Amino acid sequence: MILHHDDIKFIKWIAQKGLCEVCKEPLTAGRPQLAHRMEKSKMNIKKYGTEIIDHALNLSLVCSLHCNQSVLIGMAKDALIEEHVCKIKQAIENT
């Protein structure tokens, strides 16, 4: 089941008790944003598909652009990306 971004924000807001995943500051201080751990680029969408890229496990609820960039899995971490993708695929299979 694919969740809408607003639903993911709400679920993560509750789970994180209204705090930024990275800096733990209250999310009410700014407009909370969903940050992609693996960036939502054309290349990643082509390689993994939107179901993986926009999955809740690939999104973090953060307070700012600085914290958004902190959750990004960079290109230099290929093994970490593949592990992350496998985790998301398992979650999809189990739903």
Protein backbone atom coordinates (compact mmCIF):
# COMPACT_ATOMS: atom_id res chain seq x y z
CA MET A 1 0.00 0.00 0.00
CA ILE A 2 1.37 3.39 -1.01
CA LEU A 3 0.70 6.16 1.49
CA HIS A 4 0.15 9.79 0.57
CA HIS A 5 2.91 12.15 1.78
CA ASP A 6 0.46 13.90 4.15
CA ASP A 7 -0.32 10.54 5.76
CA ILE A 8 3.38 9.76 6.12
CA LYS A 9 3.99 13.18 7.69
CA PHE A 10 1.22 12.57 10.22
CA ILE A 11 2.45 9.06 11.11
CA LYS A 12 6.03 10.26 11.51
CA TRP A 13 4.90 13.35 13.47
CA ILE A 14 3.17 11.10 16.01
CA ALA A 15 6.05 8.58 16.16
CA GLN A 16 8.63 11.36 16.63
CA LYS A 17 6.46 13.19 19.17
CA GLY A 18 6.53 16.34 17.03
CA LEU A 19 10.33 16.54 16.97
CA CYS A 20 12.75 16.69 14.05
CA GLU A 21 14.29 13.28 13.35
CA VAL A 22 17.77 14.81 13.14
CA CYS A 23 18.12 17.69 15.61
CA LYS A 24 15.15 16.84 17.88
CA GLU A 25 13.89 20.44 17.74
CA PRO A 26 10.10 20.93 17.74
CA LEU A 27 8.71 20.72 14.24
CA THR A 28 6.32 23.57 14.98
CA ALA A 29 9.24 26.02 14.70
CA GLY A 30 9.14 25.70 10.92
CA ARG A 31 7.27 23.90 8.23
CA PRO A 32 8.09 20.21 8.58
CA GLN A 33 9.38 18.59 5.44
CA LEU A 34 9.76 15.03 4.27
CA ALA A 35 13.37 14.43 3.32
CA HIS A 36 14.30 11.61 0.97
CA ARG A 37 17.18 9.47 2.27
CA MET A 38 17.88 8.40 -1.31
CA GLU A 39 17.30 11.49 -3.37
CA LYS A 40 14.33 11.70 -5.68
CA SER A 41 16.32 12.07 -8.88
CA LYS A 42 15.43 10.88 -12.38
CA MET A 43 18.26 8.36 -12.17
CA ASN A 44 17.06 6.90 -8.84
CA ILE A 45 13.43 6.78 -9.99
CA LYS A 46 14.52 4.96 -13.16
CA LYS A 47 16.71 2.53 -11.19
CA TYR A 48 14.45 1.85 -8.17
CA GLY A 49 10.99 3.16 -9.10
CA THR A 50 8.77 5.64 -7.28
CA GLU A 51 7.40 2.95 -4.98
CA ILE A 52 10.88 2.66 -3.40
CA ILE A 53 11.84 6.35 -3.61
CA ASP A 54 8.57 7.63 -2.08
CA HIS A 55 8.22 4.81 0.47
CA ALA A 56 7.81 5.85 4.12
CA LEU A 57 11.10 4.13 5.03
CA ASN A 58 12.91 6.38 2.56
CA LEU A 59 11.40 9.54 4.03
CA SER A 60 12.38 11.42 7.18
CA LEU A 61 10.37 14.18 8.84
CA VAL A 62 12.72 17.08 9.49
CA CYS A 63 12.54 20.77 10.39
CA SER A 64 14.88 22.43 7.90
CA LEU A 65 16.96 22.14 4.76
CA HIS A 66 20.05 21.59 6.93
CA CYS A 67 18.44 18.57 8.62
CA ASN A 68 17.06 17.47 5.24
CA GLN A 69 20.60 17.25 3.86
CA SER A 70 21.75 15.37 6.97
CA VAL A 71 19.58 12.33 6.20
CA LEU A 72 20.66 12.07 2.55
CA ILE A 73 22.47 8.86 1.62
CA GLY A 74 25.12 10.01 -0.82
CA MET A 75 26.38 8.31 -3.96
CA ALA A 76 29.59 7.26 -2.21
CA LYS A 77 27.62 4.90 0.03
CA ASP A 78 26.47 2.33 -2.56
CA ALA A 79 26.44 -0.58 -0.07
CA LEU A 80 24.31 1.47 2.33
CA ILE A 81 21.90 2.34 -0.49
CA GLU A 82 21.50 -1.29 -1.53
CA GLU A 83 20.89 -2.33 2.09
CA HIS A 84 18.31 0.44 2.42
CA VAL A 85 16.56 -0.64 -0.81
CA CYS A 86 16.43 -4.27 0.38
CA LYS A 87 14.82 -3.14 3.66
CA ILE A 88 12.16 -1.19 1.74
CA LYS A 89 11.50 -4.10 -0.64
CA GLN A 90 11.00 -6.44 2.34
CA ALA A 91 8.55 -3.96 3.87
CA ILE A 92 6.63 -3.79 0.58
CA GLU A 93 6.49 -7.59 0.35
CA ASN A 94 5.16 -7.82 3.91
CA THR A 95 2.23 -5.46 3.28
